[in-house]
Amino acid sequence: MRIDSAFPSTYLKAADLQGRNIQVVMNYVKMEDIGGDHKPILYFVGKEKGLVLNKTNSNNISLIYGSETDEWAGKPVILFPTMVDFQGKSVEAIRVKGPQGNGHARHPHAPPVYDDPPPRHNPPGPDLDDEIPF
C-alpha cells in the first residue's frame, strides 16, 4: 500500500503524480474556500482533482499564456513534482511548465524552459505506465 493513499485529498498533491511529469489541458479556474482562505483552483479537462494555485505556479502559467485565466482554457501545461523549501523543510510540491516543442507561443518575457527533472528510482513492481488517477 502506498502510504499517500491513506490520506486522500480533494486537491491534487505531488504524490498523485507518482514521480512523473504529466501533460494536462487546463479547463477553468475557480475560487474556493480552503482552510479559511479563498484560493484559485485550476481544473483540468478529464481530471477530477484541481490544483490549488500558488503564486509561483500562477506566475509560470501567466508567463506562457497571459494573466487572464479565462484564456487558459484548452491550453496544455506539464505538471511535475519537485522538492521545495517550505517553512525551513524540504517538501515535495507540484510545479507547472509549458509544453516543449509543440508550437505554442511563449510569453516574450518567459524564463527558459529546461529539461525534465531526472527520473526517480522506483522499486520493481507493476507497470505504472497507465493513466494517472487524479
Protein backbone atom coordinates (compact mmCIF):
# COMPACT_ATOMS: atom_id res chain seq x y z
CA MET A 1 0.00 0.00 0.00
CA ARG A 2 1.24 3.48 -0.80
CA ILE A 3 1.06 5.48 2.41
CA ASP A 4 -0.16 8.50 0.40
CA SER A 5 -3.38 6.63 -0.34
CA ALA A 6 -4.16 6.57 3.40
CA PHE A 7 -4.54 10.36 3.34
CA PRO A 8 -6.76 11.23 0.35
CA SER A 9 -7.06 14.86 -0.70
CA THR A 10 -9.73 16.80 -2.52
CA TYR A 11 -6.99 18.65 -4.41
CA LEU A 12 -4.02 17.48 -6.43
CA LYS A 13 -0.83 16.84 -4.46
CA ALA A 14 2.68 15.93 -5.58
CA ALA A 15 2.25 12.25 -4.62
CA ASP A 16 -0.60 12.00 -7.15
CA LEU A 17 1.93 12.47 -9.96
CA GLN A 18 3.78 9.31 -8.87
CA GLY A 19 7.14 10.93 -9.65
CA ARG A 20 6.28 11.60 -13.29
CA ASN A 21 5.77 14.64 -15.49
CA ILE A 22 2.16 14.74 -16.66
CA GLN A 23 0.83 16.83 -19.54
CA VAL A 24 -2.72 18.05 -18.92
CA VAL A 25 -5.08 20.50 -20.60
CA MET A 26 -6.35 23.38 -18.49
CA ASN A 27 -10.12 23.69 -18.24
CA TYR A 28 -11.03 26.54 -15.84
CA VAL A 29 -10.03 28.37 -12.65
CA LYS A 30 -12.48 28.66 -9.77
CA MET A 31 -12.09 30.48 -6.44
CA GLU A 32 -12.78 28.17 -3.47
CA ASP A 33 -12.57 28.37 0.32
CA ILE A 34 -9.69 26.30 1.69
CA GLY A 35 -8.90 26.37 5.38
CA GLY A 36 -10.25 29.87 5.89
CA ASP A 37 -8.59 31.26 2.73
CA HIS A 38 -10.15 31.99 -0.65
CA LYS A 39 -7.80 30.49 -3.27
CA PRO A 40 -7.80 29.87 -7.02
CA ILE A 41 -8.12 26.22 -8.07
CA LEU A 42 -7.09 25.17 -11.58
CA TYR A 43 -9.14 22.29 -13.02
CA PHE A 44 -8.09 20.13 -15.95
CA VAL A 45 -10.00 18.50 -18.78
CA GLY A 46 -10.91 14.91 -17.85
CA LYS A 47 -9.46 15.10 -14.32
CA GLU A 48 -11.34 15.16 -11.02
CA LYS A 49 -8.85 16.92 -8.77
CA GLY A 50 -7.89 20.54 -9.19
CA LEU A 51 -4.55 22.17 -8.41
CA VAL A 52 -4.50 24.85 -5.71
CA LEU A 53 -2.65 27.65 -7.45
CA ASN A 54 0.15 29.29 -5.53
CA LYS A 55 1.95 32.44 -6.68
CA THR A 56 4.79 30.50 -8.34
CA ASN A 57 2.56 28.28 -10.48
CA SER A 58 0.19 31.16 -11.29
CA ASN A 59 3.11 33.29 -12.47
CA ASN A 60 4.58 30.45 -14.53
CA ILE A 61 1.30 29.91 -16.38
CA SER A 62 0.82 33.67 -16.80
CA LEU A 63 4.25 33.99 -18.41
CA ILE A 64 3.28 31.41 -21.01
CA TYR A 65 -0.41 32.15 -21.65
CA GLY A 66 -1.07 35.58 -20.15
CA SER A 67 -2.68 36.65 -16.89
CA GLU A 68 -6.34 36.22 -17.91
CA THR A 69 -7.35 32.80 -16.56
CA ASP A 70 -10.32 32.56 -18.93
CA GLU A 71 -7.79 32.38 -21.78
CA TRP A 72 -6.03 29.36 -20.24
CA ALA A 73 -8.89 27.00 -21.14
CA GLY A 74 -7.83 24.37 -23.66
CA LYS A 75 -4.12 25.12 -23.26
CA PRO A 76 -1.64 22.39 -22.28
CA VAL A 77 0.76 22.51 -19.34
CA ILE A 78 3.08 19.97 -17.76
CA LEU A 79 2.76 19.22 -14.05
CA PHE A 80 5.89 17.87 -12.39
CA PRO A 81 6.95 17.02 -8.83
CA THR A 82 9.96 18.75 -7.33
CA MET A 83 11.44 19.45 -3.92
CA VAL A 84 10.97 22.96 -2.50
CA ASP A 85 11.78 24.69 0.78
CA PHE A 86 8.68 25.31 2.90
CA GLN A 87 8.91 26.69 6.42
CA GLY A 88 12.50 25.53 6.76
CA LYS A 89 11.87 22.00 5.47
CA SER A 90 12.29 20.30 2.10
CA VAL A 91 8.91 19.11 0.87
CA GLU A 92 7.63 17.71 -2.42
CA ALA A 93 5.48 20.13 -4.42
CA ILE A 94 3.91 20.41 -7.85
CA ARG A 95 5.28 22.90 -10.33
CA VAL A 96 3.94 23.86 -13.75
CA LYS A 97 5.76 24.46 -17.02
CA GLY A 98 4.79 24.87 -20.63
CA PRO A 99 4.91 22.02 -23.09
CA GLN A 100 8.10 21.82 -25.14
CA GLY A 101 8.27 21.80 -28.90
CA ASN A 102 4.54 21.87 -29.56
CA GLY A 103 4.36 25.17 -31.42
CA HIS A 104 2.64 27.11 -28.64
CA ALA A 105 3.94 30.62 -28.37
CA ARG A 106 5.58 31.57 -25.12
CA HIS A 107 5.25 34.95 -23.50
CA PRO A 108 8.20 37.15 -24.61
CA HIS A 109 9.46 37.50 -21.03
CA ALA A 110 9.05 33.84 -20.10
CA PRO A 111 12.06 32.19 -18.47
CA PRO A 112 13.84 29.46 -20.42
CA VAL A 113 12.30 26.00 -20.37
CA TYR A 114 14.67 23.39 -19.00
CA ASP A 115 14.77 19.64 -19.48
CA ASP A 116 12.61 17.45 -17.28
CA PRO A 117 13.93 16.70 -13.80
CA PRO A 118 15.91 13.45 -13.60
CA PRO A 119 13.81 10.30 -13.21
CA ARG A 120 13.34 8.96 -9.71
CA HIS A 121 14.19 5.45 -8.70
CA ASN A 122 11.04 3.38 -8.43
CA PRO A 123 11.21 -0.08 -6.86
CA PRO A 124 10.31 -3.02 -9.10
CA GLY A 125 6.61 -3.67 -9.28
CA PRO A 126 3.65 -3.45 -11.59
CA ASP A 127 3.92 -1.42 -14.77
CA LEU A 128 2.94 2.13 -13.81
CA ASP A 129 2.75 3.49 -17.36
CA ASP A 130 -1.00 3.97 -17.17
CA GLU A 131 -3.25 6.99 -16.73
CA ILE A 132 -2.59 8.94 -13.52
CA PRO A 133 -5.76 8.60 -11.38
CA PHE A 134 -6.49 12.16 -10.34
